[in-house]
């Protein structure tokens, strides 16, 4: 997997100014105040700020698949890869979930 080209996190998103890295580097400028610029919803602001951490959280899944393939393992085909079922509920991660994670990481790196 190639290294990401985006500014590393954490990012801080201000209500009016835009997004900045922890070192103060401007990531995104919203273009001014009120009607003069871009209005960003609180939920979108939170997603923008979380983008680097989301990337970091997904990266191990893509690396796992890369290493498994390099060792001659089968690539994820179809169906459930991991599953849990308990009194707390049930959840599963499918091959499609893994493919979507790998595609999202490639998109974040500018590869697709």
C-alpha atoms as a PDB file:
ATOM      1  CA  UNK A   1       0.000   0.000   0.000  1.00  0.00           C
ATOM      2  CA  UNK A   2       1.409   3.380  -0.941  1.00  0.00           C
ATOM      3  CA  UNK A   3       1.740   6.108   1.660  1.00  0.00           C
ATOM      4  CA  UNK A   4      -1.079   8.635   1.830  1.00  0.00           C
ATOM      5  CA  UNK A   5      -0.375  12.044   0.315  1.00  0.00           C
ATOM      6  CA  UNK A   6      -2.874  13.935   2.454  1.00  0.00           C
ATOM      7  CA  UNK A   7      -1.978  15.970   5.536  1.00  0.00           C
ATOM      8  CA  UNK A   8      -1.735  13.695   8.573  1.00  0.00           C
ATOM      9  CA  UNK A   9      -4.237  14.151  11.380  1.00  0.00           C
ATOM     10  CA  UNK A  10      -5.559  15.049  13.704  1.00  0.00           C
ATOM     11  CA  UNK A  11      -7.538  17.775  11.976  1.00  0.00           C
ATOM     12  CA  UNK A  12      -9.524  20.483  13.690  1.00  0.00           C
ATOM     13  CA  UNK A  13     -12.532  21.961  11.905  1.00  0.00           C
ATOM     14  CA  UNK A  14     -13.571  25.479  12.868  1.00  0.00           C
ATOM     15  CA  UNK A  15     -17.148  26.614  12.342  1.00  0.00           C
ATOM     16  CA  UNK A  16     -16.182  29.468  10.011  1.00  0.00           C
ATOM     17  CA  UNK A  17     -12.549  29.266   8.976  1.00  0.00           C
ATOM     18  CA  UNK A  18     -12.085  25.722   7.740  1.00  0.00           C
ATOM     19  CA  UNK A  19     -10.017  22.685   8.628  1.00  0.00           C
ATOM     20  CA  UNK A  20      -6.483  22.793   9.991  1.00  0.00           C
ATOM     21  CA  UNK A  21      -3.921  20.198  10.942  1.00  0.00           C
ATOM     22  CA  UNK A  22      -2.719  19.976  14.526  1.00  0.00           C
ATOM     23  CA  UNK A  23       0.353  21.964  13.445  1.00  0.00           C
ATOM     24  CA  UNK A  24      -1.876  24.754  12.097  1.00  0.00           C
ATOM     25  CA  UNK A  25      -1.564  23.947   8.379  1.00  0.00           C
ATOM     26  CA  UNK A  26      -4.730  24.926   6.501  1.00  0.00           C
ATOM     27  CA  UNK A  27      -6.391  21.847   4.998  1.00  0.00           C
ATOM     28  CA  UNK A  28      -9.608  23.380   3.706  1.00  0.00           C
ATOM     29  CA  UNK A  29     -10.953  26.920   3.700  1.00  0.00           C
ATOM     30  CA  UNK A  30     -14.711  27.351   3.822  1.00  0.00           C
ATOM     31  CA  UNK A  31     -14.550  30.709   2.059  1.00  0.00           C
ATOM     32  CA  UNK A  32     -15.727  33.262   4.582  1.00  0.00           C
ATOM     33  CA  UNK A  33     -18.595  33.883   6.928  1.00  0.00           C
ATOM     34  CA  UNK A  34     -22.323  33.310   6.552  1.00  0.00           C
ATOM     35  CA  UNK A  35     -23.684  33.764   3.053  1.00  0.00           C
ATOM     36  CA  UNK A  36     -20.269  34.831   1.755  1.00  0.00           C
ATOM     37  CA  UNK A  37     -18.861  31.343   2.115  1.00  0.00           C
ATOM     38  CA  UNK A  38     -19.624  27.707   2.478  1.00  0.00           C
ATOM     39  CA  UNK A  39     -21.877  26.633   5.323  1.00  0.00           C
ATOM     40  CA  UNK A  40     -20.790  23.324   6.806  1.00  0.00           C
ATOM     41  CA  UNK A  41     -23.177  21.310   8.956  1.00  0.00           C
ATOM     42  CA  UNK A  42     -21.962  20.143  12.370  1.00  0.00           C
ATOM     43  CA  UNK A  43     -22.201  16.498  11.328  1.00  0.00           C
ATOM     44  CA  UNK A  44     -20.174  17.150   8.160  1.00  0.00           C
ATOM     45  CA  UNK A  45     -17.611  19.123  10.149  1.00  0.00           C
ATOM     46  CA  UNK A  46     -17.186  16.134  12.479  1.00  0.00           C
ATOM     47  CA  UNK A  47     -16.739  13.762   9.520  1.00  0.00           C
ATOM     48  CA  UNK A  48     -14.125  16.031   7.918  1.00  0.00           C
ATOM     49  CA  UNK A  49     -12.216  16.245  11.193  1.00  0.00           C
ATOM     50  CA  UNK A  50     -12.332  12.440  11.632  1.00  0.00           C
ATOM     51  CA  UNK A  51     -11.084  11.633   8.109  1.00  0.00           C
ATOM     52  CA  UNK A  52      -7.429  10.956   9.069  1.00  0.00           C
ATOM     53  CA  UNK A  53      -8.447   8.720  11.965  1.00  0.00           C
ATOM     54  CA  UNK A  54     -10.906   6.837   9.766  1.00  0.00           C
ATOM     55  CA  UNK A  55      -8.117   6.226   7.265  1.00  0.00           C
ATOM     56  CA  UNK A  56      -5.819   4.950  10.021  1.00  0.00           C
ATOM     57  CA  UNK A  57      -8.563   2.659  11.354  1.00  0.00           C
ATOM     58  CA  UNK A  58      -9.173   1.059   7.935  1.00  0.00           C
ATOM     59  CA  UNK A  59      -5.522   0.703   6.912  1.00  0.00           C
ATOM     60  CA  UNK A  60      -4.817  -2.495   8.913  1.00  0.00           C
ATOM     61  CA  UNK A  61      -7.616  -4.343   7.073  1.00  0.00           C
ATOM     62  CA  UNK A  62      -6.106  -3.541   3.695  1.00  0.00           C
ATOM     63  CA  UNK A  63      -2.627  -4.455   4.932  1.00  0.00           C
ATOM     64  CA  UNK A  64      -3.941  -7.763   6.286  1.00  0.00           C
ATOM     65  CA  UNK A  65      -5.384  -8.611   2.867  1.00  0.00           C
ATOM     66  CA  UNK A  66      -2.140  -7.579   1.113  1.00  0.00           C
ATOM     67  CA  UNK A  67       0.005  -9.759   3.389  1.00  0.00           C
ATOM     68  CA  UNK A  68      -2.402 -12.687   3.171  1.00  0.00           C
ATOM     69  CA  UNK A  69      -2.242 -12.528  -0.634  1.00  0.00           C
ATOM     70  CA  UNK A  70       1.574 -12.246  -0.595  1.00  0.00           C
ATOM     71  CA  UNK A  71       1.744 -15.428   1.504  1.00  0.00           C
ATOM     72  CA  UNK A  72      -0.278 -17.268  -1.105  1.00  0.00           C
ATOM     73  CA  UNK A  73      -3.519 -17.116   0.812  1.00  0.00           C
ATOM     74  CA  UNK A  74      -6.821 -16.882  -0.937  1.00  0.00           C
ATOM     75  CA  UNK A  75      -8.174 -13.444  -1.585  1.00  0.00           C
ATOM     76  CA  UNK A  76     -11.451 -12.570   0.033  1.00  0.00           C
ATOM     77  CA  UNK A  77     -14.144 -13.948  -2.258  1.00  0.00           C
ATOM     78  CA  UNK A  78     -17.698 -13.760  -1.004  1.00  0.00           C
ATOM     79  CA  UNK A  79     -19.534 -14.288   2.209  1.00  0.00           C
ATOM     80  CA  UNK A  80     -18.769 -13.644   5.835  1.00  0.00           C
ATOM     81  CA  UNK A  81     -15.131 -13.245   6.924  1.00  0.00           C
ATOM     82  CA  UNK A  82     -15.698 -12.528  10.640  1.00  0.00           C
ATOM     83  CA  UNK A  83     -18.872 -12.930  12.652  1.00  0.00           C
ATOM     84  CA  UNK A  84     -20.030 -12.685  16.239  1.00  0.00           C
ATOM     85  CA  UNK A  85     -23.364 -13.567  17.746  1.00  0.00           C
ATOM     86  CA  UNK A  86     -24.074 -13.017  21.430  1.00  0.00           C
ATOM     87  CA  UNK A  87     -26.665 -11.662  23.822  1.00  0.00           C
ATOM     88  CA  UNK A  88     -25.258  -8.199  23.047  1.00  0.00           C
ATOM     89  CA  UNK A  89     -26.226  -8.641  19.396  1.00  0.00           C
ATOM     90  CA  UNK A  90     -24.705  -9.949  16.236  1.00  0.00           C
ATOM     91  CA  UNK A  91     -22.403  -8.454  13.647  1.00  0.00           C
ATOM     92  CA  UNK A  92     -20.400  -9.596  10.680  1.00  0.00           C
ATOM     93  CA  UNK A  93     -17.735  -8.345   8.312  1.00  0.00           C
ATOM     94  CA  UNK A  94     -18.081  -9.627   4.776  1.00  0.00           C
ATOM     95  CA  UNK A  95     -15.714  -9.872   1.837  1.00  0.00           C
ATOM     96  CA  UNK A  96     -17.620  -6.961   0.296  1.00  0.00           C
ATOM     97  CA  UNK A  97     -16.945  -4.860   3.430  1.00  0.00           C
ATOM     98  CA  UNK A  98     -13.229  -5.579   3.023  1.00  0.00           C
ATOM     99  CA  UNK A  99     -13.299  -4.677  -0.697  1.00  0.00           C
ATOM    100  CA  UNK A 100     -15.077  -1.396   0.121  1.00  0.00           C
ATOM    101  CA  UNK A 101     -12.482  -0.558   2.793  1.00  0.00           C
ATOM    102  CA  UNK A 102      -9.608  -1.199   0.368  1.00  0.00           C
ATOM    103  CA  UNK A 103     -11.313   0.911  -2.329  1.00  0.00           C
ATOM    104  CA  UNK A 104     -11.953   3.765   0.113  1.00  0.00           C
ATOM    105  CA  UNK A 105      -8.305   3.792   1.181  1.00  0.00           C
ATOM    106  CA  UNK A 106      -7.165   3.857  -2.453  1.00  0.00           C
ATOM    107  CA  UNK A 107      -9.537   6.735  -3.143  1.00  0.00           C
ATOM    108  CA  UNK A 108      -8.161   8.650  -0.143  1.00  0.00           C
ATOM    109  CA  UNK A 109      -4.645   8.174  -1.537  1.00  0.00           C
ATOM    110  CA  UNK A 110      -5.762   9.530  -4.920  1.00  0.00           C
ATOM    111  CA  UNK A 111      -5.389   6.158  -6.649  1.00  0.00           C
ATOM    112  CA  UNK A 112      -8.913   5.866  -8.004  1.00  0.00           C
END
